[in-house]
Amino acid sequence: MNQSRAGVRCRALCNVITAKGLLPRDTQGILLYETNTLGRRVVMVDWDNGMRTAVPPHEIAVLKPEGIRT
């Protein structure tokens, strides 16, 4: 389990079908940890809509913290 990005905000890039139902595109949340499950890398996210579910990393975008310029 990798918690190096725990607490970082993210958003769903597309509608994601999860075991807990549909996670709408652009829903934001907080990364909890990343892990490999059954040979697949997944990211566990605590979503702002109350869901807490694992999603593939290619279906989320990590948001840049406010105040940081690139």
Protein backbone atom coordinates (compact mmCIF):
# COMPACT_ATOMS: atom_id res chain seq x y z
CA MET A 1 0.00 0.00 0.00
CA ASN A 2 1.40 3.37 -1.07
CA GLN A 3 0.26 6.42 0.92
CA SER A 4 2.73 8.91 -0.57
CA ARG A 5 -0.09 10.95 -2.17
CA ALA A 6 -2.60 10.58 0.69
CA GLY A 7 -4.60 13.77 1.22
CA VAL A 8 -4.17 15.03 -2.35
CA ARG A 9 -7.34 16.22 -4.11
CA CYS A 10 -8.43 14.57 -7.35
CA ARG A 11 -11.40 14.44 -9.72
CA ALA A 12 -13.01 11.78 -11.87
CA LEU A 13 -12.20 12.22 -15.57
CA CYS A 14 -15.25 10.26 -16.72
CA ASN A 15 -18.32 8.51 -15.33
CA VAL A 16 -16.99 5.53 -13.37
CA ILE A 17 -19.10 2.45 -12.67
CA THR A 18 -18.17 1.13 -9.23
CA ALA A 19 -19.48 -1.58 -6.93
CA LYS A 20 -21.24 1.20 -5.00
CA GLY A 21 -22.92 2.75 -8.05
CA LEU A 22 -22.15 5.40 -10.64
CA LEU A 23 -19.49 7.96 -9.80
CA PRO A 24 -20.26 11.00 -11.98
CA ARG A 25 -17.58 12.69 -14.05
CA ASP A 26 -15.91 15.70 -12.36
CA THR A 27 -16.72 14.44 -8.85
CA GLN A 28 -13.88 15.50 -6.57
CA GLY A 29 -12.34 13.65 -3.65
CA ILE A 30 -9.26 12.99 -1.55
CA LEU A 31 -6.74 10.24 -2.30
CA LEU A 32 -6.34 7.78 0.58
CA TYR A 33 -3.84 5.26 -0.84
CA GLU A 34 -2.75 3.33 -3.92
CA THR A 35 -2.43 -0.44 -4.07
CA ASN A 36 -2.30 -3.45 -6.37
CA THR A 37 -5.40 -5.63 -6.19
CA LEU A 38 -5.66 -8.82 -8.23
CA GLY A 39 -2.78 -7.65 -10.43
CA ARG A 40 -4.31 -4.22 -11.09
CA ARG A 41 -3.23 -0.88 -9.67
CA VAL A 42 -6.10 1.00 -8.01
CA VAL A 43 -6.46 4.24 -6.08
CA MET A 44 -8.75 4.41 -3.04
CA VAL A 45 -10.55 7.75 -2.91
CA ASP A 46 -12.89 9.34 -0.37
CA TRP A 47 -15.24 11.19 -2.74
CA ASP A 48 -17.03 14.43 -1.86
CA ASN A 49 -20.39 12.79 -2.67
CA GLY A 50 -19.96 10.37 0.26
CA MET A 51 -18.64 7.38 -1.68
CA ARG A 52 -15.36 5.73 -0.73
CA THR A 53 -14.26 3.47 -3.52
CA ALA A 54 -11.28 2.25 -5.54
CA VAL A 55 -10.84 3.47 -9.09
CA PRO A 56 -8.21 2.85 -11.77
CA PRO A 57 -5.57 5.61 -11.76
CA HIS A 58 -6.21 6.46 -15.43
CA GLU A 59 -9.78 7.50 -14.54
CA ILE A 60 -8.76 10.31 -12.18
CA ALA A 61 -6.77 13.54 -12.41
CA VAL A 62 -4.74 14.76 -9.48
CA LEU A 63 -5.53 18.41 -8.79
CA LYS A 64 -2.79 20.95 -8.28
CA PRO A 65 -2.88 22.44 -4.77
CA GLU A 66 -3.92 26.11 -4.72
CA GLY A 67 -1.07 28.59 -4.54
CA ILE A 68 1.42 26.39 -6.43
CA ARG A 69 2.51 27.71 -9.81
CA THR A 70 4.03 25.61 -12.54
